[in-house]
């Protein structure tokens, strides 16, 4: 009896050790592909430990840890550039230059947005640790989404990102607008996720029970289901789900309310990172799984791009809140970005999309940094209240003007070269209607950007509002951290177009 018990104990210990040895070898041989994400996880763990252990905490350490983990992740990602593509963790995660550049863009968004939140958190007295925790977790979810190689990992990563986005949008619990934003965002986000999963279930069934992206494509060939009506259902469901994340018309209803009600640093963060992550997902799903339905998804995306460019820019003209105006402007901008996704067959289609997305990150975050600084000093985001800001704060006014001009595509700023390359690639690929509408709506967008610049530069005392008259350049609100992001974004928005050739060459090297 004793011998029998010892024998069972030996077998259990052997099995236990074998299991953990396998897990260790799995992490050892495949973990290098996730090393940037591991750095972020370690940063998250460190934030929670410090917050739990120490009662009297210096908030500067939380920002330092967060930014250090992001910068280290960027450095490791750049060090891994050019390595051979690999699929790790039993097919769950894929590493190649294409998803590396999207993971880099997500890390860049977070690195630029965290400094914007320092003074905002001080003024609104929000909890620092939890805010940074959700920012880093959303970043982590977005990075996993860029490299996810099967339907289950895609959905878990997407929900990790989405749930953090919902919480961040309603982070100022005492603000009624913030509560309204999170309710709308949560309800519509949950609905879109359900529709997306419904599309995934069709792919799983039609492919014969496969969940890896390439295996699904192979399974559709083997089962002869790539032209079946079920593929149309799957395609429509996935486009609706991704269209919500990208704020495409007519799935954009949540965008203006979330932009207006959420904390402005959160808006700056979500306005760029959601587009980067969702664009990465869209390119891989459409390019790999729906390769045999090329004409169908091209047509659907063309319709959504046209609607987004037209309605986004036209409705932006009528807005009185600068945050709502930027919400509709972002809807128009994603319409331009879709031109690069649609023209994937051209040599430069994806490269133009990646290049313009990089420029858009700097232009958009630079614009929001100026808005955050102004709202902290005045408490308003009404466009008319910006009248005469140049007389009080020339640096902020000129920075905002330059970023808006770059968004409008005025030469010789980065936005002009980005749009020029994007439209040129679309024209070369034969998307004449898309490019023509994009050019026309870009001209329309210049009107409402110039309208704001005119208000900024006015010198008429009658038009200057009390908010600007009482604007104090040297108030109790420090602006060093906001200005840091502002300066970086303004310089990038002005000069990146001049050094565009190396950026395009790197973007062309990412094609998978």
Protein backbone atom coordinates (compact mmCIF):
# COMPACT_ATOMS: atom_id res chain seq x y z
CA UNK A 1 0.00 0.00 0.00
CA UNK A 2 2.84 2.37 0.95
CA UNK A 3 4.73 1.38 -2.21
CA UNK A 4 1.62 2.09 -4.29
CA UNK A 5 1.22 5.53 -2.70
CA UNK A 6 4.89 6.39 -3.25
CA UNK A 7 4.62 5.26 -6.85
CA UNK A 8 1.60 7.51 -7.47
CA UNK A 9 3.39 10.38 -5.75
CA UNK A 10 6.41 9.85 -8.00
CA UNK A 11 4.23 9.81 -11.12
CA UNK A 12 2.46 13.01 -10.02
CA UNK A 13 5.75 14.82 -9.35
CA UNK A 14 7.19 13.64 -12.65
CA UNK A 15 4.10 14.79 -14.55
CA UNK A 16 4.08 18.10 -12.69
CA UNK A 17 7.75 18.76 -13.47
CA UNK A 18 7.30 17.68 -17.09
CA UNK A 19 4.39 20.07 -17.52
CA UNK A 20 6.32 23.05 -16.20
CA UNK A 21 9.44 22.08 -18.15
CA UNK A 22 7.32 22.13 -21.32
CA UNK A 23 5.90 25.51 -20.33
CA UNK A 24 9.40 26.81 -19.64
CA UNK A 25 10.70 25.58 -23.00
CA UNK A 26 7.64 27.09 -24.72
CA UNK A 27 8.36 30.46 -23.14
CA UNK A 28 12.09 30.16 -23.80
CA UNK A 29 11.81 29.37 -27.50
CA UNK A 30 8.75 31.46 -28.35
CA UNK A 31 8.80 34.19 -25.71
CA UNK A 32 11.28 36.37 -27.61
CA UNK A 33 8.54 37.23 -30.11
CA UNK A 34 6.47 38.64 -27.23
CA UNK A 35 9.33 40.32 -25.39
CA UNK A 36 7.95 43.87 -25.97
CA UNK A 37 4.61 42.77 -24.52
CA UNK A 38 6.41 41.09 -21.59
CA UNK A 39 8.06 44.40 -20.74
CA UNK A 40 4.64 46.07 -20.59
CA UNK A 41 3.28 43.26 -18.40
CA UNK A 42 6.21 43.72 -16.02
CA UNK A 43 5.50 47.49 -15.94
CA UNK A 44 1.85 46.80 -15.12
CA UNK A 45 2.85 44.43 -12.31
CA UNK A 46 5.31 46.99 -10.92
CA UNK A 47 2.62 49.71 -10.91
CA UNK A 48 0.23 47.54 -8.92
CA UNK A 49 2.91 46.41 -6.43
CA UNK A 50 4.08 49.95 -5.69
CA UNK A 51 0.51 51.17 -5.34
CA UNK A 52 -0.31 48.31 -2.96
CA UNK A 53 2.79 48.50 -0.76
CA UNK A 54 3.40 52.21 -0.30
CA UNK A 55 0.87 54.51 1.35
CA UNK A 56 2.63 57.80 0.55
CA UNK A 57 3.25 57.51 -3.16
CA UNK A 58 5.05 59.90 -5.48
CA UNK A 59 2.94 59.95 -8.64
CA UNK A 60 6.00 60.87 -10.71
CA UNK A 61 7.22 57.28 -10.28
CA UNK A 62 4.05 55.91 -11.85
CA UNK A 63 4.54 58.03 -14.96
CA UNK A 64 8.23 57.15 -15.04
CA UNK A 65 7.54 53.41 -14.86
CA UNK A 66 4.83 53.60 -17.53
CA UNK A 67 6.91 55.65 -19.96
CA UNK A 68 10.04 53.59 -19.33
CA UNK A 69 8.22 50.33 -20.09
CA UNK A 70 6.79 51.84 -23.28
CA UNK A 71 10.16 53.19 -24.45
CA UNK A 72 11.90 49.88 -23.67
CA UNK A 73 9.21 48.02 -25.62
CA UNK A 74 9.78 50.32 -28.60
CA UNK A 75 13.55 49.79 -28.39
CA UNK A 76 13.18 45.99 -28.29
CA UNK A 77 10.70 46.07 -31.17
CA UNK A 78 13.14 48.10 -33.29
CA UNK A 79 15.96 45.72 -32.33
CA UNK A 80 13.85 42.80 -33.58
CA UNK A 81 13.18 44.51 -36.91
CA UNK A 82 14.18 42.41 -39.89
CA UNK A 83 14.07 39.07 -38.09
CA UNK A 84 12.57 36.13 -39.93
CA UNK A 85 8.76 35.85 -39.66
CA UNK A 86 7.62 33.20 -37.22
CA UNK A 87 4.41 31.75 -35.83
CA UNK A 88 4.67 30.96 -32.13
CA UNK A 89 2.60 29.62 -29.23
CA UNK A 90 1.00 26.82 -31.27
CA UNK A 91 -0.13 29.19 -34.01
CA UNK A 92 -1.72 31.78 -31.73
CA UNK A 93 0.72 34.61 -32.46
CA UNK A 94 2.51 35.65 -35.62
CA UNK A 95 5.55 37.89 -35.79
CA UNK A 96 6.59 39.67 -38.99
CA UNK A 97 7.54 43.17 -40.07
CA UNK A 98 3.94 43.99 -40.93
CA UNK A 99 2.55 43.54 -37.43
CA UNK A 100 5.75 44.91 -35.88
CA UNK A 101 5.19 48.30 -37.46
CA UNK A 102 1.59 48.37 -36.20
CA UNK A 103 2.75 47.38 -32.71
CA UNK A 104 5.30 50.21 -32.95
CA UNK A 105 2.57 52.69 -33.89
CA UNK A 106 0.45 51.59 -30.91
CA UNK A 107 3.40 52.03 -28.53
CA UNK A 108 4.09 55.44 -30.07
CA UNK A 109 0.47 56.52 -29.46
CA UNK A 110 0.66 55.56 -25.78
CA UNK A 111 4.06 57.18 -25.28
CA UNK A 112 2.82 60.50 -26.68
CA UNK A 113 -0.52 60.40 -24.84
CA UNK A 114 0.66 59.68 -21.28
CA UNK A 115 2.38 63.10 -20.85
CA UNK A 116 -0.92 64.73 -21.86
CA UNK A 117 -2.63 63.21 -18.83
CA UNK A 118 -0.27 64.46 -16.07
CA UNK A 119 -1.77 67.92 -15.53
CA UNK A 120 -5.26 66.72 -16.45
CA UNK A 121 -5.20 64.12 -13.67
CA UNK A 122 -3.88 66.70 -11.21
CA UNK A 123 -6.72 69.09 -12.01
CA UNK A 124 -9.51 66.52 -12.07
CA UNK A 125 -8.10 64.54 -9.10
CA UNK A 126 -8.48 61.21 -10.89
CA UNK A 127 -6.75 58.06 -9.61
CA UNK A 128 -3.33 57.89 -11.26
CA UNK A 129 -2.46 54.21 -10.89
CA UNK A 130 -5.73 52.90 -12.29
CA UNK A 131 -5.63 55.35 -15.20
CA UNK A 132 -2.12 54.30 -16.24
CA UNK A 133 -3.01 50.66 -15.66
CA UNK A 134 -5.90 50.83 -18.13
CA UNK A 135 -3.81 52.80 -20.65
CA UNK A 136 -1.05 50.18 -20.59
CA UNK A 137 -3.54 47.28 -20.64
CA UNK A 138 -5.32 48.78 -23.66
CA UNK A 139 -1.91 49.17 -25.31
CA UNK A 140 -1.15 45.54 -24.53
CA UNK A 141 -4.48 44.40 -25.98
CA UNK A 142 -3.86 46.41 -29.14
CA UNK A 143 -0.39 44.91 -29.56
CA UNK A 144 -1.67 41.36 -29.11
CA UNK A 145 -4.43 42.14 -31.62
CA UNK A 146 -1.84 43.17 -34.22
CA UNK A 147 -0.07 39.81 -33.98
CA UNK A 148 -3.01 37.50 -33.20
CA UNK A 149 -3.13 34.62 -35.66
CA UNK A 150 -6.34 32.83 -34.71
CA UNK A 151 -9.94 33.83 -34.08
CA UNK A 152 -9.87 33.15 -30.32
CA UNK A 153 -6.75 35.28 -29.73
CA UNK A 154 -8.17 38.02 -31.93
CA UNK A 155 -11.38 38.18 -29.93
CA UNK A 156 -9.68 38.07 -26.50
CA UNK A 157 -7.19 40.78 -27.53
CA UNK A 158 -9.96 42.92 -29.00
CA UNK A 159 -12.07 42.66 -25.85
CA UNK A 160 -9.06 43.42 -23.65
CA UNK A 161 -8.57 46.62 -25.62
CA UNK A 162 -12.29 47.43 -25.77
CA UNK A 163 -13.05 46.92 -22.08
CA UNK A 164 -10.20 49.25 -21.09
CA UNK A 165 -11.48 51.78 -23.62
CA UNK A 166 -14.97 51.68 -22.09
CA UNK A 167 -13.60 52.23 -18.58
CA UNK A 168 -11.32 55.07 -19.68
CA UNK A 169 -14.12 56.87 -21.54
CA UNK A 170 -16.18 56.98 -18.32
CA UNK A 171 -13.26 57.62 -15.98
CA UNK A 172 -14.56 60.99 -14.74
CA UNK A 173 -17.53 59.48 -12.93
CA UNK A 174 -18.87 62.81 -11.65
CA UNK A 175 -19.25 64.19 -15.18
CA UNK A 176 -22.69 63.50 -16.66
CA UNK A 177 -21.33 63.64 -20.20
CA UNK A 178 -18.70 61.04 -19.33
CA UNK A 179 -21.37 58.71 -17.93
CA UNK A 180 -23.42 59.14 -21.08
CA UNK A 181 -20.33 58.42 -23.20
CA UNK A 182 -19.51 55.15 -21.45
CA UNK A 183 -23.12 53.89 -21.63
CA UNK A 184 -23.34 54.52 -25.38
CA UNK A 185 -19.85 53.20 -26.01
CA UNK A 186 -20.45 50.04 -23.95
CA UNK A 187 -23.83 49.20 -25.48
CA UNK A 188 -22.76 49.78 -29.07
CA UNK A 189 -19.35 48.20 -28.52
CA UNK A 190 -20.91 45.08 -27.03
CA UNK A 191 -23.34 44.82 -29.94
CA UNK A 192 -20.56 45.17 -32.53
CA UNK A 193 -18.43 42.55 -30.75
CA UNK A 194 -21.38 40.14 -30.81
CA UNK A 195 -21.81 40.67 -34.54
CA UNK A 196 -18.08 40.17 -35.10
CA UNK A 197 -18.09 36.88 -33.17
CA UNK A 198 -21.13 35.79 -35.18
CA UNK A 199 -19.06 36.27 -38.33
CA UNK A 200 -16.18 34.32 -36.76
CA UNK A 201 -18.55 31.43 -35.99
CA UNK A 202 -19.51 31.23 -39.66
CA UNK A 203 -15.84 31.10 -40.66
CA UNK A 204 -15.22 28.35 -38.09
CA UNK A 205 -18.07 26.25 -39.42
CA UNK A 206 -17.46 26.81 -43.13
CA UNK A 207 -13.74 26.00 -42.86
CA UNK A 208 -14.36 22.68 -41.12
CA UNK A 209 -13.49 23.74 -37.57
CA UNK A 210 -10.32 25.80 -38.17
CA UNK A 211 -9.45 28.92 -36.16
CA UNK A 212 -6.02 29.93 -37.51
CA UNK A 213 -6.28 32.56 -40.27
CA UNK A 214 -4.33 30.72 -42.96
CA UNK A 215 -5.87 27.38 -42.02
CA UNK A 216 -9.33 28.93 -42.36
CA UNK A 217 -8.46 30.00 -45.91
CA UNK A 218 -7.17 26.49 -46.68
CA UNK A 219 -10.24 24.95 -45.05
CA UNK A 220 -12.57 27.04 -47.20
CA UNK A 221 -10.82 25.65 -50.28
CA UNK A 222 -11.00 22.08 -49.03
CA UNK A 223 -14.70 22.34 -48.16
CA UNK A 224 -15.49 24.29 -51.36
CA UNK A 225 -17.28 26.91 -49.25
CA UNK A 226 -15.32 30.00 -50.36
CA UNK A 227 -18.15 31.01 -52.72
CA UNK A 228 -21.07 29.95 -50.52
CA UNK A 229 -23.74 32.36 -49.18
CA UNK A 230 -22.34 31.78 -45.69
CA UNK A 231 -19.15 33.62 -46.68
CA UNK A 232 -21.27 36.69 -47.45
CA UNK A 233 -22.81 36.51 -43.98
CA UNK A 234 -19.38 36.17 -42.39
CA UNK A 235 -17.98 39.04 -44.48
CA UNK A 236 -20.85 41.39 -43.67
CA UNK A 237 -20.69 40.57 -39.94
CA UNK A 238 -16.94 41.14 -39.76
CA UNK A 239 -17.15 44.41 -41.69
CA UNK A 240 -19.82 45.67 -39.28
CA UNK A 241 -17.69 44.70 -36.27
CA UNK A 242 -14.50 46.26 -37.60
CA UNK A 243 -16.42 49.24 -38.99
CA UNK A 244 -17.51 50.12 -35.46
CA UNK A 245 -13.91 50.11 -34.21
CA UNK A 246 -12.85 52.27 -37.15
CA UNK A 247 -15.82 54.69 -36.77
CA UNK A 248 -16.92 54.13 -40.36
CA UNK A 249 -20.25 55.54 -41.52
CA UNK A 250 -22.91 54.28 -40.71
CA UNK A 251 -21.32 52.67 -37.60
CA UNK A 252 -20.02 55.99 -36.28
CA UNK A 253 -22.90 57.10 -34.01
CA UNK A 254 -20.91 56.53 -30.82
CA UNK A 255 -17.91 58.61 -31.92
CA UNK A 256 -19.04 62.25 -31.41
CA UNK A 257 -20.61 61.56 -28.01
CA UNK A 258 -17.59 59.60 -26.74
CA UNK A 259 -15.23 62.31 -28.00
CA UNK A 260 -17.25 65.03 -26.29
CA UNK A 261 -17.90 63.25 -22.98
CA UNK A 262 -14.65 61.40 -22.34
CA UNK A 263 -11.58 62.95 -20.66
CA UNK A 264 -9.63 64.71 -23.40
CA UNK A 265 -6.37 62.71 -22.91
CA UNK A 266 -8.46 59.55 -23.30
CA UNK A 267 -9.98 60.93 -26.50
CA UNK A 268 -6.50 61.65 -27.86
CA UNK A 269 -5.48 58.09 -27.01
CA UNK A 270 -8.56 56.34 -28.43
CA UNK A 271 -8.71 58.50 -31.56
CA UNK A 272 -5.46 57.02 -32.86
CA UNK A 273 -4.87 53.65 -31.19
CA UNK A 274 -8.28 52.23 -32.13
CA UNK A 275 -7.68 53.06 -35.78
CA UNK A 276 -4.20 51.52 -35.78
CA UNK A 277 -5.30 48.27 -34.11
CA UNK A 278 -8.49 47.88 -36.17
CA UNK A 279 -6.67 48.65 -39.44
CA UNK A 280 -4.09 45.98 -38.66
CA UNK A 281 -6.87 43.46 -38.00
CA UNK A 282 -8.80 44.43 -41.13
CA UNK A 283 -5.82 44.12 -43.47
CA UNK A 284 -4.94 40.62 -42.28
CA UNK A 285 -8.47 39.21 -42.17
CA UNK A 286 -9.48 40.56 -45.57
CA UNK A 287 -6.16 39.75 -47.21
CA UNK A 288 -5.84 36.18 -45.88
CA UNK A 289 -9.33 34.80 -45.27
CA UNK A 290 -11.37 36.72 -47.84
CA UNK A 291 -8.81 36.50 -50.62
CA UNK A 292 -11.37 34.71 -52.79
CA UNK A 293 -13.98 37.43 -52.15
CA UNK A 294 -11.68 40.25 -53.20
CA UNK A 295 -14.18 42.12 -55.38
CA UNK A 296 -16.94 41.84 -52.78
CA UNK A 297 -15.05 43.29 -49.82
CA UNK A 298 -13.43 45.90 -52.05
CA UNK A 299 -16.88 47.10 -53.08
CA UNK A 300 -18.20 47.18 -49.51
CA UNK A 301 -15.16 49.08 -48.20
CA UNK A 302 -15.34 51.53 -51.11
CA UNK A 303 -18.95 52.36 -50.19
CA UNK A 304 -18.03 52.82 -46.51
CA UNK A 305 -15.00 54.94 -47.42
CA UNK A 306 -17.06 57.23 -49.65
CA UNK A 307 -19.78 57.63 -47.01
CA UNK A 308 -17.21 58.30 -44.30
CA UNK A 309 -15.30 60.91 -46.33
CA UNK A 310 -18.46 62.76 -47.38
CA UNK A 311 -20.53 62.69 -44.18
CA UNK A 312 -17.55 63.06 -41.84
CA UNK A 313 -16.28 66.24 -43.49
CA UNK A 314 -19.68 67.79 -44.19
CA UNK A 315 -21.03 67.32 -40.65
CA UNK A 316 -17.73 68.58 -39.17
CA UNK A 317 -18.44 72.00 -40.73
CA UNK A 318 -21.56 72.48 -38.57
CA UNK A 319 -19.98 71.62 -35.19
CA UNK A 320 -19.50 74.21 -32.43
CA UNK A 321 -17.48 71.95 -30.09
CA UNK A 322 -13.90 71.40 -31.21
CA UNK A 323 -13.93 67.85 -29.82
CA UNK A 324 -17.05 66.93 -31.81
CA UNK A 325 -15.54 68.59 -34.87
CA UNK A 326 -12.43 66.41 -34.51
CA UNK A 327 -14.68 63.36 -34.06
CA UNK A 328 -16.29 63.91 -37.46
CA UNK A 329 -12.92 64.88 -38.91
CA UNK A 330 -11.51 61.52 -37.75
CA UNK A 331 -14.39 59.77 -39.53
CA UNK A 332 -13.33 61.51 -42.73
CA UNK A 333 -9.68 60.66 -42.09
CA UNK A 334 -10.36 56.94 -41.76
CA UNK A 335 -12.10 57.15 -45.13
CA UNK A 336 -8.79 58.32 -46.62
CA UNK A 337 -6.91 55.51 -44.85
CA UNK A 338 -9.28 52.93 -46.33
CA UNK A 339 -8.01 53.89 -49.79
CA UNK A 340 -4.68 52.28 -48.87
CA UNK A 341 -6.39 49.13 -47.56
CA UNK A 342 -8.55 48.82 -50.67
CA UNK A 343 -5.56 49.27 -53.00
CA UNK A 344 -3.64 46.38 -51.45
CA UNK A 345 -2.85 44.92 -54.88
CA UNK A 346 -0.72 47.92 -55.84
CA UNK A 347 2.95 47.98 -54.88
CA UNK A 348 2.43 50.91 -52.53
CA UNK A 349 -1.14 50.46 -51.24
CA UNK A 350 -0.38 49.26 -47.72
CA UNK A 351 2.77 51.38 -47.55
CA UNK A 352 0.76 54.56 -48.23
CA UNK A 353 -1.76 53.57 -45.55
CA UNK A 354 0.98 52.97 -42.95
CA UNK A 355 2.79 56.19 -43.85
CA UNK A 356 -0.32 58.33 -43.61
CA UNK A 357 -1.30 56.66 -40.34
CA UNK A 358 2.08 57.59 -38.84
CA UNK A 359 1.59 61.21 -39.90
CA UNK A 360 -2.00 61.18 -38.62
CA UNK A 361 -0.84 60.07 -35.15
CA UNK A 362 1.39 63.13 -34.78
CA UNK A 363 -1.12 65.55 -36.32
CA UNK A 364 -4.03 64.34 -34.19
CA UNK A 365 -2.21 64.06 -30.86
CA UNK A 366 -0.60 67.46 -31.48
CA UNK A 367 -4.04 68.98 -31.99
CA UNK A 368 -5.40 67.37 -28.82
CA UNK A 369 -2.42 68.52 -26.77
CA UNK A 370 -3.32 72.14 -27.60
CA UNK A 371 -6.98 71.47 -26.79
CA UNK A 372 -6.10 69.90 -23.42
CA UNK A 373 -3.96 72.87 -22.44
CA UNK A 374 -6.66 75.35 -23.43
CA UNK A 375 -9.46 73.43 -21.68
CA UNK A 376 -7.46 73.15 -18.44
CA UNK A 377 -6.95 76.91 -18.38
CA UNK A 378 -10.45 77.93 -19.47
CA UNK A 379 -12.77 74.96 -18.88
CA UNK A 380 -14.35 75.12 -22.34
CA UNK A 381 -14.06 73.32 -25.67
CA UNK A 382 -16.34 75.61 -27.69
CA UNK A 383 -14.72 76.74 -30.92
CA UNK A 384 -15.89 80.37 -30.51
CA UNK A 385 -14.12 80.56 -27.14
CA UNK A 386 -10.75 80.20 -28.87
CA UNK A 387 -11.14 83.70 -30.38
CA UNK A 388 -7.98 85.75 -29.89
CA UNK A 389 -5.89 82.99 -28.31
CA UNK A 390 -2.89 84.10 -30.39
CA UNK A 391 -2.81 87.37 -28.44
CA UNK A 392 -2.51 85.54 -25.10
CA UNK A 393 -0.59 82.37 -25.94
CA UNK A 394 1.11 82.58 -29.36
CA UNK A 395 2.92 79.24 -28.97
CA UNK A 396 -0.23 77.20 -28.31
CA UNK A 397 -2.16 79.05 -31.02
CA UNK A 398 0.54 78.54 -33.65
CA UNK A 399 0.98 74.89 -32.67
CA UNK A 400 -2.75 74.25 -32.99
CA UNK A 401 -2.84 76.10 -36.31
CA UNK A 402 0.06 74.09 -37.71
CA UNK A 403 -1.44 70.74 -36.69
CA UNK A 404 -4.82 71.69 -38.17
CA UNK A 405 -3.19 72.80 -41.42
CA UNK A 406 -1.33 69.50 -41.58
CA UNK A 407 -4.60 67.60 -41.03
CA UNK A 408 -6.08 69.59 -43.90
CA UNK A 409 -3.18 68.67 -46.19
CA UNK A 410 -1.63 72.09 -46.72
CA UNK A 411 1.89 71.99 -48.25
CA UNK A 412 4.68 71.67 -47.25
CA UNK A 413 3.47 69.97 -44.05
CA UNK A 414 3.51 66.21 -43.42
CA UNK A 415 -0.23 65.83 -43.96
CA UNK A 416 0.12 67.12 -47.53
CA UNK A 417 2.81 64.60 -48.47
CA UNK A 418 0.94 61.79 -46.71
CA UNK A 419 -2.29 62.49 -48.61
CA UNK A 420 -0.42 63.04 -51.85
CA UNK A 421 1.24 59.64 -51.60
CA UNK A 422 -2.01 57.97 -50.50
CA UNK A 423 -4.04 59.47 -53.36
CA UNK A 424 -1.29 58.84 -55.90
CA UNK A 425 -1.18 55.14 -54.98
CA UNK A 426 -4.98 54.97 -55.19
CA UNK A 427 -4.94 56.59 -58.62
CA UNK A 428 -2.23 54.19 -59.84
CA UNK A 429 -4.36 51.27 -58.62
CA UNK A 430 -7.38 52.51 -60.58
CA UNK A 431 -9.51 53.82 -57.69
CA UNK A 432 -10.39 56.98 -59.60
CA UNK A 433 -13.75 57.60 -57.91
CA UNK A 434 -12.34 57.13 -54.40
CA UNK A 435 -9.39 59.42 -55.05
CA UNK A 436 -11.55 62.09 -56.69
CA UNK A 437 -13.96 62.16 -53.74
CA UNK A 438 -11.02 62.12 -51.33
CA UNK A 439 -9.42 65.12 -53.04
CA UNK A 440 -12.68 67.06 -53.10
CA UNK A 441 -13.47 66.35 -49.44
CA UNK A 442 -9.91 67.27 -48.45
CA UNK A 443 -10.54 70.70 -49.92
CA UNK A 444 -13.81 70.90 -47.98
CA UNK A 445 -11.99 69.97 -44.76
CA UNK A 446 -9.58 72.87 -45.22
CA UNK A 447 -12.55 75.23 -44.77
CA UNK A 448 -13.40 74.20 -41.22
CA UNK A 449 -9.74 73.96 -40.23
CA UNK A 450 -9.10 77.48 -41.56
CA UNK A 451 -12.24 78.70 -39.77
CA UNK A 452 -10.69 77.70 -36.44
CA UNK A 453 -7.35 79.27 -37.37
CA UNK A 454 -9.10 82.51 -38.28
CA UNK A 455 -10.79 82.54 -34.85
CA UNK A 456 -7.43 81.89 -33.15
CA UNK A 457 -5.75 84.79 -34.90
CA UNK A 458 -8.48 87.41 -34.52
CA UNK A 459 -7.44 90.70 -32.93
CA UNK A 460 -10.89 92.24 -32.65
CA UNK A 461 -11.71 92.93 -29.01
CA UNK A 462 -15.42 92.47 -29.67
CA UNK A 463 -14.87 88.85 -30.73
CA UNK A 464 -12.49 87.88 -27.94
CA UNK A 465 -14.45 85.91 -25.34
CA UNK A 466 -14.08 86.24 -21.56
CA UNK A 467 -12.36 82.84 -21.50
CA UNK A 468 -9.43 84.19 -23.51
CA UNK A 469 -9.49 87.59 -21.81
CA UNK A 470 -9.04 85.85 -18.46
CA UNK A 471 -6.56 83.34 -19.90
CA UNK A 472 -3.45 83.26 -17.73
CA UNK A 473 -0.30 82.06 -19.41
CA UNK A 474 1.50 81.54 -16.10
CA UNK A 475 -1.18 80.06 -13.88
CA UNK A 476 -1.01 77.36 -11.24
CA UNK A 477 -1.38 74.77 -13.99
CA UNK A 478 1.99 73.56 -15.18
CA UNK A 479 2.20 72.73 -18.84
CA UNK A 480 5.67 71.21 -19.17
CA UNK A 481 4.45 67.67 -19.85
CA UNK A 482 1.76 68.77 -22.30
CA UNK A 483 4.24 70.98 -24.13
CA UNK A 484 6.66 68.06 -24.42
CA UNK A 485 4.17 66.03 -26.47
CA UNK A 486 3.03 69.18 -28.25
CA UNK A 487 6.54 70.10 -29.42
CA UNK A 488 7.31 66.56 -30.62
CA UNK A 489 4.03 66.35 -32.55
CA UNK A 490 4.35 69.83 -34.06
CA UNK A 491 7.89 69.16 -35.28
CA UNK A 492 6.84 65.79 -36.71
CA UNK A 493 3.74 67.29 -38.36
CA UNK A 494 5.93 69.92 -40.01
CA UNK A 495 9.04 67.99 -41.00
CA UNK A 496 8.19 64.30 -41.50
CA UNK A 497 7.01 64.97 -45.06
CA UNK A 498 10.47 66.25 -45.99
CA UNK A 499 12.12 62.96 -44.97
CA UNK A 500 9.34 60.84 -46.39
CA UNK A 501 11.42 58.53 -48.64
CA UNK A 502 13.04 56.52 -45.79
CA UNK A 503 9.63 56.18 -44.09
CA UNK A 504 8.06 54.88 -47.32
CA UNK A 505 10.95 52.44 -47.81
CA UNK A 506 10.44 51.05 -44.30
CA UNK A 507 6.67 50.82 -44.85
CA UNK A 508 7.19 48.94 -48.14
CA UNK A 509 9.44 46.48 -46.30
CA UNK A 510 6.54 45.49 -44.03
CA UNK A 511 4.36 43.78 -46.63
CA UNK A 512 3.56 40.26 -45.46
